């Protein structure tokens, strides 16, 4: 159907919905493999649950887009909400190691690489907001085909969130390595620096 451009969009192609689920399917299999290797329920099976909700989210979104039935609308909203909450908590508590109420800066962690704590608070809020960008799919029910502009904005926000997530994930890993003495936070220079007012 080369001359019928909407034929392969998300409102007509079930294969498109399956392709959306593939990354989560692969990650779910990785979590199962890690569980079978280590026998650790936490974090591997809990992480597996997160990816199962992601698969259910994309599956119900695909069904809702294609069949346009109200029962799929409610199912989509349910799984999208559960997925957004699950993933937001996992991002903040596990991937970024934040939400520690006993840290020097409330709800952050004891060791921080960035000197300004407000950066973490902004990132926490932005991550949660973008995790809930599925709300636009639920609101614009009359445009169930999802106009190109809406899809572009949602996809671009997800690219932004993933970029931000990777920065704070690497920062968390570095801070963990410093706390466990596997790395140094600041490498000392082999000579002394003069003060700004000294010559």
Protein backbone atom coordinates (compact mmCIF):
# COMPACT_ATOMS: atom_id res chain seq x y z
CA UNK A 1 0.00 0.00 0.00
CA UNK A 2 2.69 2.49 -0.99
CA UNK A 3 0.13 5.02 -2.21
CA UNK A 4 -1.95 4.80 0.99
CA UNK A 5 0.28 6.53 3.54
CA UNK A 6 -1.95 6.04 6.62
CA UNK A 7 -1.96 2.26 6.02
CA UNK A 8 1.25 1.73 8.04
CA UNK A 9 0.67 4.22 10.82
CA UNK A 10 -0.09 3.34 14.42
CA UNK A 11 -3.86 3.33 13.84
CA UNK A 12 -3.76 0.54 11.26
CA UNK A 13 -0.69 -1.61 11.83
CA UNK A 14 -0.66 -4.23 14.60
CA UNK A 15 2.97 -4.88 13.70
CA UNK A 16 3.74 -1.28 14.71
CA UNK A 17 2.40 -2.01 18.22
CA UNK A 18 4.55 -5.12 18.43
CA UNK A 19 7.66 -3.18 17.41
CA UNK A 20 6.96 -0.70 20.22
CA UNK A 21 7.01 -3.58 22.70
CA UNK A 22 10.28 -5.14 21.48
CA UNK A 23 12.74 -3.11 23.64
CA UNK A 24 10.74 -3.88 26.78
CA UNK A 25 10.49 -7.57 25.80
CA UNK A 26 14.26 -7.80 25.40
CA UNK A 27 14.88 -6.07 28.72
CA UNK A 28 12.33 -8.33 30.45
CA UNK A 29 14.21 -11.39 29.15
CA UNK A 30 17.48 -9.87 30.42
CA UNK A 31 15.94 -9.44 33.88
CA UNK A 32 14.77 -13.06 33.87
CA UNK A 33 18.22 -14.22 32.83
CA UNK A 34 19.80 -12.22 35.66
CA UNK A 35 17.31 -13.74 38.10
CA UNK A 36 18.09 -17.29 36.97
CA UNK A 37 21.82 -16.57 37.25
CA UNK A 38 21.73 -14.92 40.69
CA UNK A 39 18.44 -16.15 42.24
CA UNK A 40 17.93 -12.59 43.54
CA UNK A 41 14.26 -11.65 43.46
CA UNK A 42 15.21 -8.05 44.15
CA UNK A 43 16.04 -6.24 41.95
CA UNK A 44 15.76 -8.58 38.96
CA UNK A 45 12.17 -9.85 39.25
CA UNK A 46 10.95 -6.45 40.43
CA UNK A 47 12.63 -4.90 37.38
CA UNK A 48 11.01 -7.62 35.26
CA UNK A 49 7.63 -6.46 36.59
CA UNK A 50 8.41 -2.93 35.45
CA UNK A 51 9.03 -4.09 31.89
CA UNK A 52 5.88 -6.23 31.92
CA UNK A 53 3.86 -3.10 32.71
CA UNK A 54 5.63 -1.32 29.85
CA UNK A 55 4.68 -4.15 27.48
CA UNK A 56 1.06 -4.00 28.67
CA UNK A 57 1.09 -0.21 28.25
CA UNK A 58 2.23 -0.33 24.62
CA UNK A 59 -0.03 -3.31 23.82
CA UNK A 60 -3.16 -1.63 25.14
CA UNK A 61 -2.19 1.63 23.42
CA UNK A 62 -1.96 -0.25 20.13
CA UNK A 63 -5.33 -1.96 20.70
CA UNK A 64 -6.91 1.36 21.65
CA UNK A 65 -5.55 3.07 18.53
CA UNK A 66 -6.67 0.34 16.13
CA UNK A 67 -10.04 -0.78 17.51
CA UNK A 68 -11.13 2.59 18.94
CA UNK A 69 -13.31 0.89 21.55
CA UNK A 70 -14.09 2.45 24.92
CA UNK A 71 -13.14 -0.76 26.78
CA UNK A 72 -9.61 -0.46 25.39
CA UNK A 73 -9.56 3.21 26.35
CA UNK A 74 -10.14 2.36 30.02
CA UNK A 75 -7.67 -0.55 29.88
CA UNK A 76 -5.05 1.66 28.26
CA UNK A 77 -5.45 4.36 30.92
CA UNK A 78 -5.17 1.76 33.71
CA UNK A 79 -1.96 0.18 32.43
CA UNK A 80 -0.49 3.54 31.39
CA UNK A 81 -1.07 4.91 34.90
CA UNK A 82 0.42 1.84 36.59
CA UNK A 83 3.40 1.88 34.22
CA UNK A 84 4.07 5.59 34.76
CA UNK A 85 3.97 5.26 38.56
CA UNK A 86 6.09 2.10 38.59
CA UNK A 87 8.70 3.54 36.21
CA UNK A 88 8.84 6.92 37.97
CA UNK A 89 9.48 5.32 41.35
CA UNK A 90 12.10 3.02 39.80
CA UNK A 91 13.85 5.94 38.07
CA UNK A 92 14.08 8.04 41.20
CA UNK A 93 14.71 5.41 43.87
CA UNK A 94 16.69 2.74 42.01
CA UNK A 95 18.34 4.26 38.94
CA UNK A 96 19.18 7.62 40.53
CA UNK A 97 19.28 6.50 44.22
CA UNK A 98 17.33 9.57 45.27
CA UNK A 99 14.36 9.89 47.68
CA UNK A 100 16.47 9.44 50.82
CA UNK A 101 14.65 11.43 53.55
CA UNK A 102 17.74 11.29 55.82
CA UNK A 103 20.18 12.89 53.35
CA UNK A 104 21.62 16.37 53.94
CA UNK A 105 19.37 17.63 51.14
CA UNK A 106 15.90 16.16 51.73
CA UNK A 107 14.85 13.44 49.28
CA UNK A 108 18.22 13.37 47.52
CA UNK A 109 21.21 11.21 48.51
CA UNK A 110 24.23 11.73 50.74
CA UNK A 111 26.84 11.95 47.96
CA UNK A 112 26.08 14.28 45.06
CA UNK A 113 28.28 15.08 42.08
CA UNK A 114 26.46 18.27 41.05
CA UNK A 115 27.07 21.11 43.48
CA UNK A 116 23.61 22.66 43.17
CA UNK A 117 20.88 20.49 44.72
CA UNK A 118 18.10 22.24 42.79
CA UNK A 119 19.32 20.43 39.63
CA UNK A 120 18.21 17.13 41.16
CA UNK A 121 14.82 18.46 42.19
CA UNK A 122 14.18 19.82 38.69
CA UNK A 123 15.25 16.49 37.16
CA UNK A 124 12.97 14.55 39.52
CA UNK A 125 9.95 16.69 38.60
CA UNK A 126 10.73 16.62 34.87
CA UNK A 127 11.18 12.84 34.85
CA UNK A 128 7.80 12.27 36.47
CA UNK A 129 6.03 14.79 34.22
CA UNK A 130 7.38 13.23 31.03
CA UNK A 131 6.61 9.72 32.30
CA UNK A 132 2.96 10.86 32.29
CA UNK A 133 2.98 12.18 28.69
CA UNK A 134 0.61 9.31 27.76
CA UNK A 135 -2.18 11.52 29.16
CA UNK A 136 -2.27 13.34 25.83
CA UNK A 137 -3.18 10.08 24.10
CA UNK A 138 -6.03 9.61 26.57
CA UNK A 139 -7.29 13.20 26.25
CA UNK A 140 -7.36 13.50 22.47
CA UNK A 141 -9.71 10.58 21.95
CA UNK A 142 -11.24 12.07 18.79
CA UNK A 143 -7.82 12.14 17.16
CA UNK A 144 -7.05 8.54 17.97
CA UNK A 145 -4.76 8.37 14.95
CA UNK A 146 -2.62 10.88 16.80
CA UNK A 147 -1.61 13.74 14.60
CA UNK A 148 2.02 13.98 13.55
CA UNK A 149 2.62 17.06 15.71
CA UNK A 150 1.30 15.38 18.88
CA UNK A 151 3.31 12.22 18.27
CA UNK A 152 6.42 14.25 17.52
CA UNK A 153 6.13 16.31 20.72
CA UNK A 154 5.57 13.21 22.87
CA UNK A 155 8.45 11.34 21.22
CA UNK A 156 10.75 14.36 21.53
CA UNK A 157 9.91 14.71 25.23
CA UNK A 158 10.74 11.01 25.70
CA UNK A 159 14.11 11.48 23.97
CA UNK A 160 14.77 14.42 26.31
CA UNK A 161 13.80 12.34 29.35
CA UNK A 162 16.04 9.45 28.33
CA UNK A 163 18.97 11.80 27.79
CA UNK A 164 18.41 13.38 31.21
CA UNK A 165 17.97 9.91 32.75
CA UNK A 166 21.30 8.72 31.36
CA UNK A 167 23.16 11.74 32.77
CA UNK A 168 21.81 11.18 36.29
CA UNK A 169 22.21 7.41 36.01
CA UNK A 170 25.91 7.76 35.21
CA UNK A 171 26.26 10.40 37.94
CA UNK A 172 24.65 8.03 40.45
CA UNK A 173 26.96 5.19 39.42
CA UNK A 174 29.99 7.43 39.85
CA UNK A 175 28.84 8.63 43.28
CA UNK A 176 28.23 5.01 44.34
CA UNK A 177 31.73 4.06 43.22
CA UNK A 178 33.16 6.99 45.19
CA UNK A 179 31.20 6.03 48.32
CA UNK A 180 32.45 2.44 48.06
CA UNK A 181 36.04 3.64 47.45
CA UNK A 182 36.10 2.17 43.95
CA UNK A 183 36.76 5.62 42.45
CA UNK A 184 37.89 9.07 43.54
CA UNK A 185 35.57 12.01 43.31
CA UNK A 186 38.35 14.51 42.64
CA UNK A 187 41.77 13.42 41.48
CA UNK A 188 44.42 15.54 43.26
CA UNK A 189 46.92 17.38 41.11
CA UNK A 190 50.61 16.58 41.61
CA UNK A 191 51.25 20.25 42.43
CA UNK A 192 49.57 23.02 44.42
CA UNK A 193 47.49 25.71 42.78
CA UNK A 194 48.03 29.33 43.78
CA UNK A 195 45.08 31.23 45.17
CA UNK A 196 43.20 33.63 42.91
CA UNK A 197 44.65 36.74 44.62
CA UNK A 198 48.20 35.34 44.80
CA UNK A 199 50.80 35.55 42.05
